[in-house]
């Protein structure tokens, strides 16, 4: 657990260095989603729905590390689409967040 905590602190430090403040998990998911999309709209704004989609992309990308999702395709606008593999995710909210944090750590360690 101590190793996990230190590795999470390292991710938070990386984000703080890059963006000037410590982000919460939702902000980190949003940033991962933008990174995975690989594009930013010309007007530099995403709609509320697109922001939710970006966070969904991030969750799917992260959970693909543990076999819960797999990349299926990219649509005509370049957005990735994932499909579930049938591997069960934890059902308890605390366990889900812990798994996401572990996957975030792995994402930034690569």
PDB file of N, CA and C in Angstrom:
ATOM      1  N   UNK A   1       0.825  -1.197   0.000  1.00  0.00           N
ATOM      2  CA  UNK A   1       0.000   0.000   0.000  1.00  0.00           C
ATOM      3  C   UNK A   1       0.867   1.257   0.000  1.00  0.00           C
ATOM      4  N   UNK A   2       1.966   1.209   0.737  1.00  0.00           N
ATOM      5  CA  UNK A   2       2.846   2.368   0.806  1.00  0.00           C
ATOM      6  C   UNK A   2       3.420   2.690  -0.567  1.00  0.00           C
ATOM      7  N   UNK A   3       3.817   1.657  -1.308  1.00  0.00           N
ATOM      8  CA  UNK A   3       4.335   1.850  -2.656  1.00  0.00           C
ATOM      9  C   UNK A   3       3.274   2.505  -3.539  1.00  0.00           C
ATOM     10  N   UNK A   4       2.035   2.041  -3.426  1.00  0.00           N
ATOM     11  CA  UNK A   4       0.945   2.627  -4.202  1.00  0.00           C
ATOM     12  C   UNK A   4       0.789   4.106  -3.861  1.00  0.00           C
ATOM     13  N   UNK A   5       0.764   4.423  -2.588  1.00  0.00           N
ATOM     14  CA  UNK A   5       0.579   5.817  -2.167  1.00  0.00           C
ATOM     15  C   UNK A   5       1.683   6.714  -2.712  1.00  0.00           C
ATOM     16  N   UNK A   6       2.918   6.244  -2.652  1.00  0.00           N
ATOM     17  CA  UNK A   6       4.033   7.048  -3.162  1.00  0.00           C
ATOM     18  C   UNK A   6       3.922   7.218  -4.673  1.00  0.00           C
ATOM     19  N   UNK A   7       3.550   6.162  -5.365  1.00  0.00           N
ATOM     20  CA  UNK A   7       3.402   6.244  -6.821  1.00  0.00           C
ATOM     21  C   UNK A   7       2.259   7.192  -7.192  1.00  0.00           C
ATOM     22  N   UNK A   8       1.166   7.198  -6.411  1.00  0.00           N
ATOM     23  CA  UNK A   8       0.061   8.126  -6.669  1.00  0.00           C
ATOM     24  C   UNK A   8       0.509   9.568  -6.424  1.00  0.00           C
ATOM     25  N   UNK A   9       1.262   9.778  -5.361  1.00  0.00           N
ATOM     26  CA  UNK A   9       1.798  11.112  -5.069  1.00  0.00           C
ATOM     27  C   UNK A   9       2.683  11.577  -6.224  1.00  0.00           C
ATOM     28  N   UNK A  10       3.443  10.662  -6.803  1.00  0.00           N
ATOM     29  CA  UNK A  10       4.287  11.009  -7.953  1.00  0.00           C
ATOM     30  C   UNK A  10       3.451  11.465  -9.141  1.00  0.00           C
ATOM     31  N   UNK A  11       2.325  10.801  -9.385  1.00  0.00           N
ATOM     32  CA  UNK A  11       1.423  11.223 -10.474  1.00  0.00           C
ATOM     33  C   UNK A  11       0.863  12.608 -10.172  1.00  0.00           C
ATOM     34  N   UNK A  12       0.414  12.820  -8.945  1.00  0.00           N
ATOM     35  CA  UNK A  12      -0.113  14.130  -8.567  1.00  0.00           C
ATOM     36  C   UNK A  12       0.957  15.219  -8.725  1.00  0.00           C
ATOM     37  N   UNK A  13       2.180  14.898  -8.350  1.00  0.00           N
ATOM     38  CA  UNK A  13       3.277  15.851  -8.490  1.00  0.00           C
ATOM     39  C   UNK A  13       3.516  16.183  -9.962  1.00  0.00           C
ATOM     40  N   UNK A  14       3.504  15.162 -10.803  1.00  0.00           N
ATOM     41  CA  UNK A  14       3.657  15.367 -12.244  1.00  0.00           C
ATOM     42  C   UNK A  14       2.583  16.310 -12.779  1.00  0.00           C
ATOM     43  N   UNK A  15       1.349  16.100 -12.360  1.00  0.00           N
ATOM     44  CA  UNK A  15       0.238  16.946 -12.802  1.00  0.00           C
ATOM     45  C   UNK A  15       0.394  18.370 -12.261  1.00  0.00           C
ATOM     46  N   UNK A  16       0.798  18.485 -11.006  1.00  0.00           N
ATOM     47  CA  UNK A  16       0.984  19.801 -10.403  1.00  0.00           C
ATOM     48  C   UNK A  16       2.091  20.569 -11.115  1.00  0.00           C
ATOM     49  N   UNK A  17       3.171  19.877 -11.450  1.00  0.00           N
ATOM     50  CA  UNK A  17       4.275  20.507 -12.179  1.00  0.00           C
ATOM     51  C   UNK A  17       3.827  20.984 -13.559  1.00  0.00           C
ATOM     52  N   UNK A  18       3.017  20.180 -14.221  1.00  0.00           N
ATOM     53  CA  UNK A  18       2.585  20.477 -15.589  1.00  0.00           C
ATOM     54  C   UNK A  18       1.494  21.550 -15.645  1.00  0.00           C
ATOM     55  N   UNK A  19       0.557  21.502 -14.684  1.00  0.00           N
ATOM     56  CA  UNK A  19      -0.629  22.356 -14.766  1.00  0.00           C
ATOM     57  C   UNK A  19      -0.767  23.369 -13.630  1.00  0.00           C
ATOM     58  N   UNK A  20       0.137  23.336 -12.679  1.00  0.00           N
ATOM     59  CA  UNK A  20       0.136  24.348 -11.641  1.00  0.00           C
ATOM     60  C   UNK A  20      -0.767  24.087 -10.456  1.00  0.00           C
ATOM     61  N   UNK A  21      -1.491  22.975 -10.457  1.00  0.00           N
ATOM     62  CA  UNK A  21      -2.295  22.635  -9.288  1.00  0.00           C
ATOM     63  C   UNK A  21      -2.523  21.136  -9.246  1.00  0.00           C
ATOM     64  N   UNK A  22      -2.868  20.659  -8.070  1.00  0.00           N
ATOM     65  CA  UNK A  22      -3.104  19.235  -7.860  1.00  0.00           C
ATOM     66  C   UNK A  22      -4.505  18.889  -8.373  1.00  0.00           C
ATOM     67  N   UNK A  23      -4.600  18.033  -9.378  1.00  0.00           N
ATOM     68  CA  UNK A  23      -5.917  17.687  -9.916  1.00  0.00           C
ATOM     69  C   UNK A  23      -6.570  16.546  -9.129  1.00  0.00           C
ATOM     70  N   UNK A  24      -7.885  16.481  -9.215  1.00  0.00           N
ATOM     71  CA  UNK A  24      -8.577  15.332  -8.657  1.00  0.00           C
ATOM     72  C   UNK A  24      -8.626  14.242  -9.732  1.00  0.00           C
ATOM     73  N   UNK A  25      -9.179  13.095  -9.379  1.00  0.00           N
ATOM     74  CA  UNK A  25      -9.223  11.963 -10.313  1.00  0.00           C
ATOM     75  C   UNK A  25     -10.000  12.318 -11.577  1.00  0.00           C
ATOM     76  N   UNK A  26     -11.092  13.057 -11.447  1.00  0.00           N
ATOM     77  CA  UNK A  26     -11.879  13.438 -12.629  1.00  0.00           C
ATOM     78  C   UNK A  26     -11.071  14.290 -13.590  1.00  0.00           C
ATOM     79  N   UNK A  27     -10.298  15.223 -13.073  1.00  0.00           N
ATOM     80  CA  UNK A  27      -9.464  16.069 -13.931  1.00  0.00           C
ATOM     81  C   UNK A  27      -8.404  15.227 -14.634  1.00  0.00           C
ATOM     82  N   UNK A  28      -7.833  14.270 -13.920  1.00  0.00           N
ATOM     83  CA  UNK A  28      -6.836  13.395 -14.531  1.00  0.00           C
ATOM     84  C   UNK A  28      -7.474  12.567 -15.637  1.00  0.00           C
ATOM     85  N   UNK A  29      -8.681  12.060 -15.393  1.00  0.00           N
ATOM     86  CA  UNK A  29      -9.386  11.295 -16.428  1.00  0.00           C
ATOM     87  C   UNK A  29      -9.652  12.157 -17.653  1.00  0.00           C
ATOM     88  N   UNK A  30     -10.053  13.390 -17.442  1.00  0.00           N
ATOM     89  CA  UNK A  30     -10.304  14.321 -18.549  1.00  0.00           C
ATOM     90  C   UNK A  30      -9.033  14.510 -19.375  1.00  0.00           C
ATOM     91  N   UNK A  31      -7.901  14.706 -18.714  1.00  0.00           N
ATOM     92  CA  UNK A  31      -6.633  14.898 -19.418  1.00  0.00           C
ATOM     93  C   UNK A  31      -6.215  13.644 -20.179  1.00  0.00           C
ATOM     94  N   UNK A  32      -6.416  12.485 -19.586  1.00  0.00           N
ATOM     95  CA  UNK A  32      -6.098  11.234 -20.278  1.00  0.00           C
ATOM     96  C   UNK A  32      -6.994  11.086 -21.507  1.00  0.00           C
ATOM     97  N   UNK A  33      -8.273  11.439 -21.361  1.00  0.00           N
ATOM     98  CA  UNK A  33      -9.190  11.368 -22.496  1.00  0.00           C
ATOM     99  C   UNK A  33      -8.745  12.247 -23.648  1.00  0.00           C
ATOM    100  N   UNK A  34      -8.320  13.468 -23.340  1.00  0.00           N
ATOM    101  CA  UNK A  34      -7.813  14.378 -24.380  1.00  0.00           C
ATOM    102  C   UNK A  34      -6.574  13.770 -25.032  1.00  0.00           C
ATOM    103  N   UNK A  35      -5.694  13.223 -24.216  1.00  0.00           N
ATOM    104  CA  UNK A  35      -4.482  12.608 -24.751  1.00  0.00           C
ATOM    105  C   UNK A  35      -4.816  11.441 -25.677  1.00  0.00           C
ATOM    106  N   UNK A  36      -5.770  10.632 -25.280  1.00  0.00           N
ATOM    107  CA  UNK A  36      -6.147   9.472 -26.087  1.00  0.00           C
ATOM    108  C   UNK A  36      -6.856   9.887 -27.371  1.00  0.00           C
ATOM    109  N   UNK A  37      -7.619  10.956 -27.316  1.00  0.00           N
ATOM    110  CA  UNK A  37      -8.277  11.460 -28.520  1.00  0.00           C
ATOM    111  C   UNK A  37      -7.221  11.982 -29.486  1.00  0.00           C
ATOM    112  N   UNK A  38      -6.188  12.612 -28.937  1.00  0.00           N
ATOM    113  CA  UNK A  38      -5.086  13.084 -29.755  1.00  0.00           C
ATOM    114  C   UNK A  38      -5.390  14.342 -30.546  1.00  0.00           C
ATOM    115  N   UNK A  39      -6.473  15.001 -30.232  1.00  0.00           N
ATOM    116  CA  UNK A  39      -6.838  16.222 -30.952  1.00  0.00           C
ATOM    117  C   UNK A  39      -7.570  17.146 -29.993  1.00  0.00           C
ATOM    118  N   UNK A  40      -7.494  18.399 -30.298  1.00  0.00           N
ATOM    119  CA  UNK A  40      -8.197  19.401 -29.512  1.00  0.00           C
ATOM    120  C   UNK A  40      -9.032  20.205 -30.491  1.00  0.00           C
ATOM    121  N   UNK A  41     -10.277  20.520 -30.162  1.00  0.00           N
ATOM    122  CA  UNK A  41     -11.108  21.258 -31.116  1.00  0.00           C
ATOM    123  C   UNK A  41     -10.511  22.623 -31.438  1.00  0.00           C
ATOM    124  N   UNK A  42     -10.790  23.091 -32.634  1.00  0.00           N
ATOM    125  CA  UNK A  42     -10.250  24.377 -33.085  1.00  0.00           C
ATOM    126  C   UNK A  42     -10.633  25.521 -32.155  1.00  0.00           C
ATOM    127  N   UNK A  43     -11.844  25.477 -31.622  1.00  0.00           N
ATOM    128  CA  UNK A  43     -12.279  26.552 -30.727  1.00  0.00           C
ATOM    129  C   UNK A  43     -11.796  26.350 -29.287  1.00  0.00           C
ATOM    130  N   UNK A  44     -11.023  25.283 -29.074  1.00  0.00           N
ATOM    131  CA  UNK A  44     -10.426  24.966 -27.768  1.00  0.00           C
ATOM    132  C   UNK A  44     -11.454  24.708 -26.675  1.00  0.00           C
ATOM    133  N   UNK A  45     -12.653  24.367 -27.054  1.00  0.00           N
ATOM    134  CA  UNK A  45     -13.689  24.047 -26.078  1.00  0.00           C
ATOM    135  C   UNK A  45     -14.385  22.748 -26.464  1.00  0.00           C
ATOM    136  N   UNK A  46     -14.606  21.930 -25.469  1.00  0.00           N
ATOM    137  CA  UNK A  46     -15.417  20.738 -25.650  1.00  0.00           C
ATOM    138  C   UNK A  46     -16.783  21.014 -25.045  1.00  0.00           C
ATOM    139  N   UNK A  47     -17.813  20.421 -25.621  1.00  0.00           N
ATOM    140  CA  UNK A  47     -19.140  20.523 -25.035  1.00  0.00           C
ATOM    141  C   UNK A  47     -19.169  19.680 -23.760  1.00  0.00           C
ATOM    142  N   UNK A  48     -20.191  19.873 -22.962  1.00  0.00           N
ATOM    143  CA  UNK A  48     -20.342  19.082 -21.733  1.00  0.00           C
ATOM    144  C   UNK A  48     -20.394  17.595 -22.075  1.00  0.00           C
ATOM    145  N   UNK A  49     -21.116  17.253 -23.122  1.00  0.00           N
ATOM    146  CA  UNK A  49     -21.223  15.850 -23.542  1.00  0.00           C
ATOM    147  C   UNK A  49     -19.865  15.308 -23.987  1.00  0.00           C
ATOM    148  N   UNK A  50     -19.112  16.127 -24.729  1.00  0.00           N
ATOM    149  CA  UNK A  50     -17.787  15.694 -25.169  1.00  0.00           C
ATOM    150  C   UNK A  50     -16.849  15.497 -23.981  1.00  0.00           C
ATOM    151  N   UNK A  51     -16.955  16.350 -22.974  1.00  0.00           N
ATOM    152  CA  UNK A  51     -16.128  16.188 -21.776  1.00  0.00           C
ATOM    153  C   UNK A  51     -16.448  14.870 -21.081  1.00  0.00           C
ATOM    154  N   UNK A  52     -17.732  14.530 -21.009  1.00  0.00           N
ATOM    155  CA  UNK A  52     -18.135  13.251 -20.434  1.00  0.00           C
ATOM    156  C   UNK A  52     -17.599  12.104 -21.280  1.00  0.00           C
ATOM    157  N   UNK A  53     -17.662  12.253 -22.604  1.00  0.00           N
ATOM    158  CA  UNK A  53     -17.142  11.233 -23.509  1.00  0.00           C
ATOM    159  C   UNK A  53     -15.634  11.064 -23.332  1.00  0.00           C
ATOM    160  N   UNK A  54     -14.924  12.172 -23.145  1.00  0.00           N
ATOM    161  CA  UNK A  54     -13.477  12.105 -22.933  1.00  0.00           C
ATOM    162  C   UNK A  54     -13.145  11.339 -21.659  1.00  0.00           C
ATOM    163  N   UNK A  55     -13.906  11.574 -20.610  1.00  0.00           N
ATOM    164  CA  UNK A  55     -13.679  10.846 -19.364  1.00  0.00           C
ATOM    165  C   UNK A  55     -14.007   9.365 -19.542  1.00  0.00           C
ATOM    166  N   UNK A  56     -15.022   9.072 -20.342  1.00  0.00           N
ATOM    167  CA  UNK A  56     -15.372   7.676 -20.635  1.00  0.00           C
ATOM    168  C   UNK A  56     -14.241   7.004 -21.419  1.00  0.00           C
ATOM    169  N   UNK A  57     -13.695   7.710 -22.397  1.00  0.00           N
ATOM    170  CA  UNK A  57     -12.558   7.184 -23.157  1.00  0.00           C
ATOM    171  C   UNK A  57     -11.413   6.853 -22.205  1.00  0.00           C
ATOM    172  N   UNK A  58     -11.136   7.753 -21.278  1.00  0.00           N
ATOM    173  CA  UNK A  58     -10.048   7.539 -20.325  1.00  0.00           C
ATOM    174  C   UNK A  58     -10.298   6.304 -19.472  1.00  0.00           C
ATOM    175  N   UNK A  59     -11.507   6.171 -18.956  1.00  0.00           N
ATOM    176  CA  UNK A  59     -11.831   5.014 -18.113  1.00  0.00           C
ATOM    177  C   UNK A  59     -11.657   3.728 -18.922  1.00  0.00           C
ATOM    178  N   UNK A  60     -12.174   3.717 -20.148  1.00  0.00           N
ATOM    179  CA  UNK A  60     -12.052   2.520 -20.986  1.00  0.00           C
ATOM    180  C   UNK A  60     -10.587   2.222 -21.292  1.00  0.00           C
ATOM    181  N   UNK A  61      -9.816   3.245 -21.632  1.00  0.00           N
ATOM    182  CA  UNK A  61      -8.392   3.057 -21.913  1.00  0.00           C
ATOM    183  C   UNK A  61      -7.688   2.493 -20.689  1.00  0.00           C
ATOM    184  N   UNK A  62      -7.956   3.082 -19.539  1.00  0.00           N
ATOM    185  CA  UNK A  62      -7.311   2.612 -18.319  1.00  0.00           C
ATOM    186  C   UNK A  62      -7.697   1.177 -17.993  1.00  0.00           C
ATOM    187  N   UNK A  63      -8.983   0.876 -18.090  1.00  0.00           N
ATOM    188  CA  UNK A  63      -9.444  -0.471 -17.753  1.00  0.00           C
ATOM    189  C   UNK A  63      -9.079  -1.498 -18.814  1.00  0.00           C
ATOM    190  N   UNK A  64      -8.642  -1.031 -19.975  1.00  0.00           N
ATOM    191  CA  UNK A  64      -8.145  -1.977 -20.987  1.00  0.00           C
ATOM    192  C   UNK A  64      -6.817  -2.580 -20.520  1.00  0.00           C
ATOM    193  N   UNK A  65      -6.123  -1.890 -19.618  1.00  0.00           N
ATOM    194  CA  UNK A  65      -4.869  -2.416 -19.063  1.00  0.00           C
ATOM    195  C   UNK A  65      -5.091  -3.708 -18.287  1.00  0.00           C
ATOM    196  N   UNK A  66      -6.279  -3.850 -17.727  1.00  0.00           N
ATOM    197  CA  UNK A  66      -6.582  -5.043 -16.920  1.00  0.00           C
ATOM    198  C   UNK A  66      -7.603  -5.944 -17.600  1.00  0.00           C
ATOM    199  N   UNK A  67      -7.817  -5.729 -18.886  1.00  0.00           N
ATOM    200  CA  UNK A  67      -8.640  -6.626 -19.679  1.00  0.00           C
ATOM    201  C   UNK A  67     -10.137  -6.447 -19.574  1.00  0.00           C
ATOM    202  N   UNK A  68     -10.598  -5.346 -19.010  1.00  0.00           N
ATOM    203  CA  UNK A  68     -12.036  -5.128 -18.859  1.00  0.00           C
ATOM    204  C   UNK A  68     -12.644  -4.580 -20.143  1.00  0.00           C
ATOM    205  N   UNK A  69     -11.874  -3.752 -20.866  1.00  0.00           N
ATOM    206  CA  UNK A  69     -12.295  -3.230 -22.169  1.00  0.00           C
ATOM    207  C   UNK A  69     -11.203  -3.495 -23.192  1.00  0.00           C
ATOM    208  N   UNK A  70     -11.595  -3.453 -24.461  1.00  0.00           N
ATOM    209  CA  UNK A  70     -10.644  -3.564 -25.555  1.00  0.00           C
ATOM    210  C   UNK A  70     -11.042  -2.539 -26.618  1.00  0.00           C
ATOM    211  N   UNK A  71     -10.032  -1.931 -27.238  1.00  0.00           N
ATOM    212  CA  UNK A  71     -10.300  -0.964 -28.296  1.00  0.00           C
ATOM    213  C   UNK A  71     -10.956  -1.682 -29.462  1.00  0.00           C
ATOM    214  N   UNK A  72     -12.078  -1.159 -29.917  1.00  0.00           N
ATOM    215  CA  UNK A  72     -12.826  -1.761 -31.024  1.00  0.00           C
ATOM    216  C   UNK A  72     -12.512  -1.052 -32.337  1.00  0.00           C
ATOM    217  N   UNK A  73     -12.646   0.291 -32.328  1.00  0.00           N
ATOM    218  CA  UNK A  73     -12.452   1.041 -33.568  1.00  0.00           C
ATOM    219  C   UNK A  73     -12.346   2.525 -33.260  1.00  0.00           C
ATOM    220  N   UNK A  74     -12.010   3.280 -34.289  1.00  0.00           N
ATOM    221  CA  UNK A  74     -12.074   4.732 -34.250  1.00  0.00           C
ATOM    222  C   UNK A  74     -13.186   5.144 -35.201  1.00  0.00           C
ATOM    223  N   UNK A  75     -14.035   6.075 -34.776  1.00  0.00           N
ATOM    224  CA  UNK A  75     -15.109   6.515 -35.654  1.00  0.00           C
ATOM    225  C   UNK A  75     -14.576   7.518 -36.683  1.00  0.00           C
ATOM    226  N   UNK A  76     -15.472   8.008 -37.530  1.00  0.00           N
ATOM    227  CA  UNK A  76     -15.072   8.913 -38.622  1.00  0.00           C
ATOM    228  C   UNK A  76     -14.498  10.236 -38.127  1.00  0.00           C
ATOM    229  N   UNK A  77     -14.760  10.583 -36.869  1.00  0.00           N
ATOM    230  CA  UNK A  77     -14.211  11.817 -36.294  1.00  0.00           C
ATOM    231  C   UNK A  77     -12.931  11.552 -35.489  1.00  0.00           C
ATOM    232  N   UNK A  78     -12.496  10.306 -35.463  1.00  0.00           N
ATOM    233  CA  UNK A  78     -11.263   9.959 -34.764  1.00  0.00           C
ATOM    234  C   UNK A  78     -11.428   9.592 -33.305  1.00  0.00           C
ATOM    235  N   UNK A  79     -12.667   9.479 -32.843  1.00  0.00           N
ATOM    236  CA  UNK A  79     -12.904   9.120 -31.442  1.00  0.00           C
ATOM    237  C   UNK A  79     -12.795   7.601 -31.283  1.00  0.00           C
ATOM    238  N   UNK A  80     -12.020   7.144 -30.270  1.00  0.00           N
ATOM    239  CA  UNK A  80     -11.904   5.700 -30.038  1.00  0.00           C
ATOM    240  C   UNK A  80     -13.171   5.144 -29.395  1.00  0.00           C
ATOM    241  N   UNK A  81     -13.478   3.911 -29.749  1.00  0.00           N
ATOM    242  CA  UNK A  81     -14.622   3.205 -29.162  1.00  0.00           C
ATOM    243  C   UNK A  81     -14.128   1.871 -28.607  1.00  0.00           C
ATOM    244  N   UNK A  82     -14.506   1.604 -27.387  1.00  0.00           N
ATOM    245  CA  UNK A  82     -14.093   0.392 -26.688  1.00  0.00           C
ATOM    246  C   UNK A  82     -15.310  -0.503 -26.474  1.00  0.00           C
ATOM    247  N   UNK A  83     -15.045  -1.779 -26.356  1.00  0.00           N
ATOM    248  CA  UNK A  83     -16.110  -2.726 -26.030  1.00  0.00           C
ATOM    249  C   UNK A  83     -15.697  -3.523 -24.792  1.00  0.00           C
ATOM    250  N   UNK A  84     -16.672  -3.915 -23.978  1.00  0.00           N
ATOM    251  CA  UNK A  84     -16.350  -4.723 -22.795  1.00  0.00           C
ATOM    252  C   UNK A  84     -15.934  -6.129 -23.214  1.00  0.00           C
ATOM    253  N   UNK A  85     -15.034  -6.716 -22.444  1.00  0.00           N
ATOM    254  CA  UNK A  85     -14.536  -8.056 -22.753  1.00  0.00           C
ATOM    255  C   UNK A  85     -15.289  -9.140 -21.996  1.00  0.00           C
ATOM    256  N   UNK A  86     -16.057  -8.752 -21.013  1.00  0.00           N
ATOM    257  CA  UNK A  86     -16.722  -9.729 -20.166  1.00  0.00           C
ATOM    258  C   UNK A  86     -16.025  -9.915 -18.833  1.00  0.00           C
ATOM    259  N   UNK A  87     -14.807  -9.394 -18.710  1.00  0.00           N
ATOM    260  CA  UNK A  87     -14.108  -9.430 -17.426  1.00  0.00           C
ATOM    261  C   UNK A  87     -14.833  -8.475 -16.495  1.00  0.00           C
ATOM    262  N   UNK A  88     -15.115  -8.941 -15.315  1.00  0.00           N
ATOM    263  CA  UNK A  88     -15.880  -8.144 -14.356  1.00  0.00           C
ATOM    264  C   UNK A  88     -15.016  -7.100 -13.662  1.00  0.00           C
ATOM    265  N   UNK A  89     -15.558  -5.906 -13.549  1.00  0.00           N
ATOM    266  CA  UNK A  89     -14.920  -4.833 -12.778  1.00  0.00           C
ATOM    267  C   UNK A  89     -15.426  -4.924 -11.344  1.00  0.00           C
ATOM    268  N   UNK A  90     -14.672  -4.380 -10.402  1.00  0.00           N
ATOM    269  CA  UNK A  90     -15.162  -4.361  -9.020  1.00  0.00           C
ATOM    270  C   UNK A  90     -16.499  -3.619  -8.942  1.00  0.00           C
ATOM    271  N   UNK A  91     -17.349  -4.043  -8.047  1.00  0.00           N
ATOM    272  CA  UNK A  91     -18.655  -3.400  -7.923  1.00  0.00           C
ATOM    273  C   UNK A  91     -18.676  -2.312  -6.855  1.00  0.00           C
ATOM    274  N   UNK A  92     -17.845  -2.441  -5.852  1.00  0.00           N
ATOM    275  CA  UNK A  92     -17.809  -1.432  -4.787  1.00  0.00           C
ATOM    276  C   UNK A  92     -17.115  -0.168  -5.295  1.00  0.00           C
ATOM    277  N   UNK A  93     -17.701   0.976  -5.010  1.00  0.00           N
ATOM    278  CA  UNK A  93     -17.178   2.255  -5.485  1.00  0.00           C
ATOM    279  C   UNK A  93     -15.725   2.463  -5.051  1.00  0.00           C
ATOM    280  N   UNK A  94     -15.418   2.139  -3.809  1.00  0.00           N
ATOM    281  CA  UNK A  94     -14.058   2.309  -3.297  1.00  0.00           C
ATOM    282  C   UNK A  94     -13.078   1.449  -4.096  1.00  0.00           C
ATOM    283  N   UNK A  95     -13.467   0.220  -4.404  1.00  0.00           N
ATOM    284  CA  UNK A  95     -12.610  -0.677  -5.174  1.00  0.00           C
ATOM    285  C   UNK A  95     -12.455  -0.196  -6.618  1.00  0.00           C
ATOM    286  N   UNK A  96     -13.526   0.366  -7.182  1.00  0.00           N
ATOM    287  CA  UNK A  96     -13.457   0.907  -8.543  1.00  0.00           C
ATOM    288  C   UNK A  96     -12.459   2.065  -8.604  1.00  0.00           C
ATOM    289  N   UNK A  97     -12.541   2.956  -7.637  1.00  0.00           N
ATOM    290  CA  UNK A  97     -11.633   4.101  -7.612  1.00  0.00           C
ATOM    291  C   UNK A  97     -10.194   3.646  -7.414  1.00  0.00           C
ATOM    292  N   UNK A  98      -9.981   2.676  -6.542  1.00  0.00           N
ATOM    293  CA  UNK A  98      -8.637   2.152  -6.316  1.00  0.00           C
ATOM    294  C   UNK A  98      -8.077   1.557  -7.607  1.00  0.00           C
ATOM    295  N   UNK A  99      -8.885   0.780  -8.322  1.00  0.00           N
ATOM    296  CA  UNK A  99      -8.443   0.187  -9.576  1.00  0.00           C
ATOM    297  C   UNK A  99      -8.104   1.272 -10.598  1.00  0.00           C
ATOM    298  N   UNK A 100      -8.950   2.287 -10.704  1.00  0.00           N
ATOM    299  CA  UNK A 100      -8.671   3.386 -11.636  1.00  0.00           C
ATOM    300  C   UNK A 100      -7.371   4.095 -11.273  1.00  0.00           C
ATOM    301  N   UNK A 101      -7.150   4.339 -10.000  1.00  0.00           N
ATOM    302  CA  UNK A 101      -5.910   5.010  -9.577  1.00  0.00           C
ATOM    303  C   UNK A 101      -4.690   4.154  -9.934  1.00  0.00           C
ATOM    304  N   UNK A 102      -4.800   2.845  -9.708  1.00  0.00           N
ATOM    305  CA  UNK A 102      -3.694   1.958 -10.071  1.00  0.00           C
ATOM    306  C   UNK A 102      -3.425   2.017 -11.579  1.00  0.00           C
ATOM    307  N   UNK A 103      -4.488   2.050 -12.356  1.00  0.00           N
ATOM    308  CA  UNK A 103      -4.338   2.121 -13.813  1.00  0.00           C
ATOM    309  C   UNK A 103      -3.780   3.479 -14.253  1.00  0.00           C
ATOM    310  N   UNK A 104      -4.167   4.554 -13.571  1.00  0.00           N
ATOM    311  CA  UNK A 104      -3.616   5.883 -13.866  1.00  0.00           C
ATOM    312  C   UNK A 104      -2.107   5.872 -13.624  1.00  0.00           C
ATOM    313  N   UNK A 105      -1.704   5.287 -12.520  1.00  0.00           N
ATOM    314  CA  UNK A 105      -0.272   5.203 -12.214  1.00  0.00           C
ATOM    315  C   UNK A 105       0.455   4.484 -13.342  1.00  0.00           C
ATOM    316  N   UNK A 106      -0.064   3.342 -13.764  1.00  0.00           N
ATOM    317  CA  UNK A 106       0.567   2.592 -14.857  1.00  0.00           C
ATOM    318  C   UNK A 106       0.583   3.396 -16.141  1.00  0.00           C
ATOM    319  N   UNK A 107      -0.480   4.126 -16.409  1.00  0.00           N
ATOM    320  CA  UNK A 107      -0.576   4.937 -17.622  1.00  0.00           C
ATOM    321  C   UNK A 107       0.568   5.948 -17.687  1.00  0.00           C
ATOM    322  N   UNK A 108       0.849   6.598 -16.571  1.00  0.00           N
ATOM    323  CA  UNK A 108       1.891   7.624 -16.569  1.00  0.00           C
ATOM    324  C   UNK A 108       3.297   7.057 -16.369  1.00  0.00           C
ATOM    325  N   UNK A 109       3.387   5.822 -15.953  1.00  0.00           N
ATOM    326  CA  UNK A 109       4.709   5.212 -15.801  1.00  0.00           C
ATOM    327  C   UNK A 109       5.252   4.665 -17.112  1.00  0.00           C
ATOM    328  N   UNK A 110       4.409   4.498 -18.120  1.00  0.00           N
ATOM    329  CA  UNK A 110       4.857   3.963 -19.418  1.00  0.00           C
ATOM    330  C   UNK A 110       5.571   5.001 -20.220  1.00  0.00           C
TER     331      UNK A 110
END
